[in-house]
Structure formats: C-alpha cells, structure tokens
C-alpha cells in the first residue's frame, strides 16, 4: 500500500471512528470494541482516594501506564504498569512499583446497521502485584495478584451507547493454598459487574474530524464475594473530551451507593489521558 493510500485510509477511518465509537470509550470500563487493527493506544491514568488505613488518614494515589495494541480487527492486547502509595504506612508515602498486567480481548461478534451496532467480546487479564491481600474489594487495577475472565456486550444507537461487563476474578495469594488456611480471613473469588452508558453531547452536527467531541458517562459498578459474603455497588459519573479524533481526556468521580465490603476507600477521583496512533504497525512501503 502506498503512503498516500495509508493517509487516506487513516483519515476516513478516523472520521468513522469519531462518529460511531466516541460515546462508547468509557472511562472506567472497556467497551466490546477494540483498538483499531495495527494501531497503538497509549494511556496514562491517575486514581486518587482518601484513605483511612492503619490509623492514618491520607491521600492515596495510583499512577498507571497502558499500551493497547490492535493485533487485528478482532484481537487486541494491552500491557499495563502501575505505581502506588496506597498500601504504604505513614511516613513511607513514596510512589513505588505496584503491579504489571496483561489484558487480551477478542471481539467475537459484530452486528452493524445504519447508525447503530452491537458488539460482543471475551477478555482475559493477568496481574502480578506486590501488595498483600488486605481488603474485601478485589480489582483488576493492581491491588492484588489475580486472574480475570469476562464478557462485554455493547450496543450503540445514534448518540447513545450502553455496555454491560461481567467479570469472574480469582486472587492468586500465597495463603490461599496453605494446607490449613492462612491467618487472614479474606475471600479469593468475586463476581464483578458494570453497566456503562455514554452520550455524545457535542457536536450536535458533525462536519469534520477535527471537531472536539464532548461525551458524558454514567457507570454503575458492583461486586459480590463468592467465597466470602460481601457486596457493594458504586456510581461513577464522568466527562470526556476527544480532540482531533485521536486524543482523549477523561475525568470521573466514583462513590459507593450501598454495600458491606471492607474497602480501602468508598470514593475516588480518576483522571486519564489517551493518545491513539492509527496504523502504527502498518506497512509503510510504497507499492
């Protein structure tokens, strides 16, 4: 493929991607859609929570780097790296290495119609974490060494996108396999679920790919322990700006609605920035 053809293809795709997928680029959950084939998505995210941990109250933070790579139109992978001070006791509040992870998603169903589409995908994620198991809440963010498997279903109609995520999580803690059980009374399995909605507010009428998109989101996130009786449900409103169809700035706030889980914090802020490079792994040779 010639360089001119590559540029034209990337331009056309960016317009399509902006119009059709903008409002399903959720802040806290993935949609069933993938990073475009042969493209690269780099993401930085910061999470900030007010902790009350071991008698001390302080601001805890997690800093995350991700690199999403589209291997094909149906398959993507995303390695991640986190640094955190969330599990540190005062006065040791420095950011330190926390976790590495690898996420893979296979989009196995696509149903496309005019101004709407439906996607379904399976995903797997493995995380190695330096943290000890201290709380009921089990996440895929780096809090525990764990394995996740799940299903994502996403429906887009005009400017509204709705997505459901169902996740089974297994914590890989060393005490889990001790013959007589460990000294800590924690669960090792959870069922996590989420319902995410996104709506494209601006522009009201699309004219070119350079227009800035403004999206609003509401996400409901919950978890239930499988081998320990706890549950919680959170609400997370968020706002998003998409610039030139390739740069995204996300801002969200998450807070607990109900639950009885022992958690590090029941509220938190999330901010992230993403940059997508179309055809980053494409063939740059002339015909």
Protein backbone atom coordinates (compact mmCIF):
# COMPACT_ATOMS: atom_id res chain seq x y z
CA UNK A 1 0.00 0.00 0.00
CA UNK A 2 1.36 3.47 -0.88
CA UNK A 3 1.88 6.18 1.74
CA UNK A 4 -0.89 8.31 0.16
CA UNK A 5 -3.33 5.41 0.41
CA UNK A 6 -2.35 4.88 4.02
CA UNK A 7 -3.04 8.54 4.85
CA UNK A 8 -6.41 8.46 3.06
CA UNK A 9 -7.41 5.24 4.81
CA UNK A 10 -6.41 6.62 8.22
CA UNK A 11 -8.32 9.86 7.55
CA UNK A 12 -11.52 8.08 6.53
CA UNK A 13 -11.27 5.68 9.44
CA UNK A 14 -10.72 8.49 11.95
CA UNK A 15 -13.98 10.15 10.85
CA UNK A 16 -15.88 6.87 11.12
CA UNK A 17 -14.28 6.06 14.47
CA UNK A 18 -15.10 9.50 15.87
CA UNK A 19 -18.78 9.43 14.89
CA UNK A 20 -19.61 5.82 15.68
CA UNK A 21 -17.43 4.98 18.68
CA UNK A 22 -16.89 8.22 20.56
CA UNK A 23 -19.58 7.73 23.18
CA UNK A 24 -18.55 4.15 23.98
CA UNK A 25 -14.99 5.00 25.06
CA UNK A 26 -15.86 4.57 28.72
CA UNK A 27 -13.70 5.99 31.49
CA UNK A 28 -13.66 3.05 33.93
CA UNK A 29 -14.63 0.09 31.74
CA UNK A 30 -13.81 -1.22 28.29
CA UNK A 31 -16.42 -1.48 25.53
CA UNK A 32 -16.61 -4.59 23.37
CA UNK A 33 -14.94 -2.63 20.54
CA UNK A 34 -11.16 -2.87 20.15
CA UNK A 35 -8.23 -0.62 19.42
CA UNK A 36 -8.21 -0.40 15.58
CA UNK A 37 -6.12 -3.03 13.79
CA UNK A 38 -2.40 -2.18 13.54
CA UNK A 39 -2.93 0.84 15.80
CA UNK A 40 -1.46 1.83 19.16
CA UNK A 41 -3.25 3.45 22.10
CA UNK A 42 -1.14 4.90 24.93
CA UNK A 43 -2.85 5.80 28.19
CA UNK A 44 -1.84 7.47 31.43
CA UNK A 45 -4.28 7.34 34.34
CA UNK A 46 -4.25 8.62 37.90
CA UNK A 47 -6.51 7.44 40.71
CA UNK A 48 -6.83 9.43 43.95
CA UNK A 49 -8.60 8.24 47.12
CA UNK A 50 -8.87 9.48 50.71
CA UNK A 51 -7.60 6.51 52.69
CA UNK A 52 -8.12 5.68 56.33
CA UNK A 53 -5.51 2.97 56.72
CA UNK A 54 -3.97 1.58 59.91
CA UNK A 55 -4.94 4.62 61.95
CA UNK A 56 -3.71 7.21 59.44
CA UNK A 57 -5.72 9.32 57.00
CA UNK A 58 -4.02 10.43 53.82
CA UNK A 59 -4.41 10.83 50.07
CA UNK A 60 -3.62 7.60 48.29
CA UNK A 61 -2.75 7.53 44.62
CA UNK A 62 -2.19 5.02 41.84
CA UNK A 63 -0.45 6.01 38.60
CA UNK A 64 -0.97 3.69 35.62
CA UNK A 65 0.55 3.35 32.17
CA UNK A 66 -1.09 1.22 29.46
CA UNK A 67 -0.30 0.42 25.83
CA UNK A 68 -3.21 -1.02 23.83
CA UNK A 69 -2.24 -2.71 20.55
CA UNK A 70 -4.65 -3.81 17.82
CA UNK A 71 -3.31 -7.12 16.50
CA UNK A 72 -6.28 -7.48 14.16
CA UNK A 73 -9.82 -6.11 13.89
CA UNK A 74 -10.95 -8.77 16.39
CA UNK A 75 -8.00 -9.11 18.78
CA UNK A 76 -6.13 -6.62 20.95
CA UNK A 77 -3.67 -6.83 23.85
CA UNK A 78 -2.80 -4.26 26.50
CA UNK A 79 0.15 -4.49 28.89
CA UNK A 80 -0.01 -2.22 31.94
CA UNK A 81 2.23 -0.96 34.72
CA UNK A 82 1.21 0.74 37.98
CA UNK A 83 2.97 2.69 40.73
CA UNK A 84 1.21 3.44 44.00
CA UNK A 85 1.48 4.58 47.62
CA UNK A 86 -1.91 3.16 48.62
CA UNK A 87 -0.56 0.24 50.67
CA UNK A 88 2.20 2.23 52.38
CA UNK A 89 2.15 3.15 56.08
CA UNK A 90 2.93 6.71 57.19
CA UNK A 91 5.56 8.19 56.91
CA UNK A 92 6.57 6.00 53.94
CA UNK A 93 4.32 7.61 51.33
CA UNK A 94 6.56 7.44 48.26
CA UNK A 95 5.31 6.05 44.96
CA UNK A 96 6.73 2.59 44.35
CA UNK A 97 6.28 -0.16 41.80
CA UNK A 98 2.96 -1.88 42.42
CA UNK A 99 1.94 -4.19 39.57
CA UNK A 100 2.25 -5.36 35.98
CA UNK A 101 -0.63 -6.75 33.98
CA UNK A 102 -1.57 -8.13 30.58
CA UNK A 103 -5.07 -7.80 29.13
CA UNK A 104 -6.34 -9.50 25.97
CA UNK A 105 -9.74 -9.01 24.31
CA UNK A 106 -11.32 -10.97 21.47
CA UNK A 107 -14.32 -9.35 19.75
CA UNK A 108 -16.22 -12.39 18.52
CA UNK A 109 -19.47 -10.77 17.35
CA UNK A 110 -20.21 -7.61 15.35
CA UNK A 111 -23.66 -6.65 14.05
CA UNK A 112 -23.59 -3.40 12.07
CA UNK A 113 -26.60 -1.39 10.94
CA UNK A 114 -27.19 2.24 9.95
CA UNK A 115 -26.44 4.50 12.96
CA UNK A 116 -26.18 1.57 15.32
CA UNK A 117 -24.16 -1.53 16.05
CA UNK A 118 -23.82 -4.35 18.56
CA UNK A 119 -20.52 -5.83 19.77
CA UNK A 120 -19.67 -8.81 21.99
CA UNK A 121 -16.23 -9.69 23.30
CA UNK A 122 -14.42 -12.00 25.71
CA UNK A 123 -11.43 -10.83 27.73
CA UNK A 124 -8.71 -12.26 29.95
CA UNK A 125 -6.37 -10.39 32.28
CA UNK A 126 -3.49 -11.46 34.49
CA UNK A 127 -1.99 -9.20 37.17
CA UNK A 128 1.11 -9.58 39.32
CA UNK A 129 1.00 -7.25 42.35
CA UNK A 130 3.46 -6.52 45.15
CA UNK A 131 0.57 -5.81 47.57
CA UNK A 132 -0.68 -8.08 50.33
CA UNK A 133 -4.35 -9.01 50.43
CA UNK A 134 -5.84 -6.54 52.95
CA UNK A 135 -9.39 -5.72 51.79
CA UNK A 136 -12.55 -7.43 50.61
CA UNK A 137 -12.65 -5.48 47.36
CA UNK A 138 -10.99 -7.39 44.51
CA UNK A 139 -10.00 -5.38 41.44
CA UNK A 140 -8.02 -5.70 38.24
CA UNK A 141 -6.23 -2.41 38.84
CA UNK A 142 -3.16 -3.74 40.67
CA UNK A 143 -4.48 -4.19 44.21
CA UNK A 144 -3.92 -7.96 44.13
CA UNK A 145 -2.19 -10.60 42.07
CA UNK A 146 -5.15 -12.04 40.21
CA UNK A 147 -6.64 -13.58 37.09
CA UNK A 148 -9.79 -12.25 35.40
CA UNK A 149 -12.09 -13.59 32.70
CA UNK A 150 -15.17 -11.85 31.42
CA UNK A 151 -17.77 -10.94 28.82
CA UNK A 152 -18.58 -7.48 27.39
CA UNK A 153 -21.77 -6.61 25.47
CA UNK A 154 -22.05 -3.15 23.86
CA UNK A 155 -24.99 -1.62 21.99
CA UNK A 156 -24.74 1.75 20.21
CA UNK A 157 -27.78 3.59 18.82
CA UNK A 158 -27.20 7.04 17.32
CA UNK A 159 -25.54 9.10 20.08
CA UNK A 160 -26.18 6.68 22.95
CA UNK A 161 -24.02 3.67 23.84
CA UNK A 162 -24.79 1.12 26.57
CA UNK A 163 -22.40 -1.59 27.67
CA UNK A 164 -22.51 -4.43 30.21
CA UNK A 165 -19.43 -6.13 31.66
CA UNK A 166 -19.39 -9.38 33.65
CA UNK A 167 -16.14 -10.48 35.29
CA UNK A 168 -15.03 -13.53 37.28
CA UNK A 169 -11.92 -12.87 39.36
CA UNK A 170 -9.55 -15.29 41.13
CA UNK A 171 -6.94 -13.87 43.53
CA UNK A 172 -3.55 -15.60 43.39
CA UNK A 173 -2.50 -15.04 47.01
CA UNK A 174 0.06 -17.43 48.53
CA UNK A 175 -2.02 -18.07 51.67
CA UNK A 176 -4.86 -19.37 49.53
CA UNK A 177 -3.08 -22.69 49.03
CA UNK A 178 -1.78 -23.27 52.56
CA UNK A 179 -2.89 -26.66 53.87
CA UNK A 180 -4.64 -25.31 56.97
CA UNK A 181 -5.56 -21.92 55.62
CA UNK A 182 -3.93 -18.58 56.15
CA UNK A 183 -4.01 -16.20 59.08
CA UNK A 184 -6.03 -13.64 57.13
CA UNK A 185 -9.75 -14.10 56.71
CA UNK A 186 -10.31 -12.89 53.15
CA UNK A 187 -12.13 -14.12 50.10
CA UNK A 188 -10.29 -15.12 46.93
CA UNK A 189 -13.12 -15.09 44.38
CA UNK A 190 -15.50 -12.38 43.26
CA UNK A 191 -18.07 -11.67 40.59
CA UNK A 192 -17.78 -8.09 39.34
CA UNK A 193 -20.27 -6.37 37.05
CA UNK A 194 -20.76 -2.99 35.41
CA UNK A 195 -23.35 -1.11 33.38
CA UNK A 196 -21.90 1.81 31.41
CA UNK A 197 -23.74 4.43 29.39
CA UNK A 198 -22.28 7.18 27.24
CA UNK A 199 -23.90 10.02 25.33
CA UNK A 200 -22.37 12.32 22.71
CA UNK A 201 -23.38 15.87 23.74
CA UNK A 202 -21.26 17.91 21.32
CA UNK A 203 -21.00 18.49 18.43
CA UNK A 204 -24.71 18.43 17.67
CA UNK A 205 -23.91 18.15 13.98
CA UNK A 206 -20.71 16.51 12.76
CA UNK A 207 -18.82 18.23 9.91
CA UNK A 208 -15.15 17.21 10.14
CA UNK A 209 -12.82 15.00 12.14
CA UNK A 210 -11.10 17.95 13.87
CA UNK A 211 -14.21 18.87 15.86
CA UNK A 212 -13.83 18.33 19.59
CA UNK A 213 -16.27 15.79 21.00
CA UNK A 214 -17.79 16.19 24.45
CA UNK A 215 -19.19 12.99 25.99
CA UNK A 216 -20.97 12.36 29.29
CA UNK A 217 -20.97 9.00 31.06
CA UNK A 218 -22.67 7.23 33.94
CA UNK A 219 -21.25 3.91 35.07
CA UNK A 220 -22.65 1.56 37.71
CA UNK A 221 -20.06 -0.83 39.14
CA UNK A 222 -20.65 -3.64 41.61
CA UNK A 223 -19.01 -6.66 43.17
CA UNK A 224 -20.12 -9.71 45.15
CA UNK A 225 -17.83 -12.07 47.03
CA UNK A 226 -18.09 -15.74 46.05
CA UNK A 227 -16.29 -17.39 48.98
CA UNK A 228 -16.84 -14.52 51.43
CA UNK A 229 -20.15 -12.75 51.99
CA UNK A 230 -19.78 -9.12 50.95
CA UNK A 231 -21.07 -6.86 48.23
CA UNK A 232 -21.07 -3.23 47.13
CA UNK A 233 -22.38 -1.08 44.31
CA UNK A 234 -20.86 2.22 43.11
CA UNK A 235 -21.90 5.07 40.84
CA UNK A 236 -19.34 6.84 38.64
CA UNK A 237 -20.28 9.91 36.55
CA UNK A 238 -17.58 11.07 34.11
CA UNK A 239 -16.84 13.60 31.38
CA UNK A 240 -14.66 13.18 28.29
CA UNK A 241 -13.12 15.37 25.61
CA UNK A 242 -11.93 13.89 22.31
CA UNK A 243 -9.61 16.12 20.28
CA UNK A 244 -8.78 15.55 16.60
CA UNK A 245 -10.33 12.07 16.86
CA UNK A 246 -7.16 10.74 18.49
CA UNK A 247 -6.61 12.40 21.90
CA UNK A 248 -8.90 11.78 24.88
CA UNK A 249 -9.05 13.49 28.26
CA UNK A 250 -11.20 11.77 30.90
CA UNK A 251 -12.35 12.94 34.33
CA UNK A 252 -14.51 10.86 36.66
CA UNK A 253 -15.68 10.55 40.26
CA UNK A 254 -16.66 7.22 41.83
CA UNK A 255 -18.60 6.75 45.08
CA UNK A 256 -20.34 3.92 46.89
CA UNK A 257 -24.13 3.75 46.88
CA UNK A 258 -24.53 0.71 49.14
CA UNK A 259 -22.58 -2.24 50.45
CA UNK A 260 -20.95 -4.00 53.39
CA UNK A 261 -17.46 -4.64 51.98
CA UNK A 262 -14.28 -3.70 53.84
CA UNK A 263 -12.65 -1.32 51.33
CA UNK A 264 -9.65 0.98 51.29
CA UNK A 265 -11.92 3.88 50.28
CA UNK A 266 -15.53 4.36 49.20
CA UNK A 267 -14.86 7.40 46.99
CA UNK A 268 -12.20 8.35 44.47
CA UNK A 269 -11.27 10.59 41.55
CA UNK A 270 -9.96 9.33 38.21
CA UNK A 271 -8.18 11.35 35.54
CA UNK A 272 -6.63 9.95 32.38
CA UNK A 273 -5.25 10.94 29.01
CA UNK A 274 -5.09 8.72 25.91
CA UNK A 275 -3.44 9.09 22.53
CA UNK A 276 -4.21 6.79 19.60
CA UNK A 277 -1.79 6.31 16.70
CA UNK A 278 -3.62 4.86 13.69
CA UNK A 279 -1.73 2.36 11.53
CA UNK A 280 1.26 2.45 13.91
CA UNK A 281 2.16 -1.10 12.87
CA UNK A 282 1.10 -0.78 9.21
CA UNK A 283 3.09 -1.37 6.06
CA UNK A 284 4.79 1.93 5.15
CA UNK A 285 6.30 0.68 1.90
CA UNK A 286 5.26 2.01 -1.49
CA UNK A 287 3.65 -0.35 -3.95
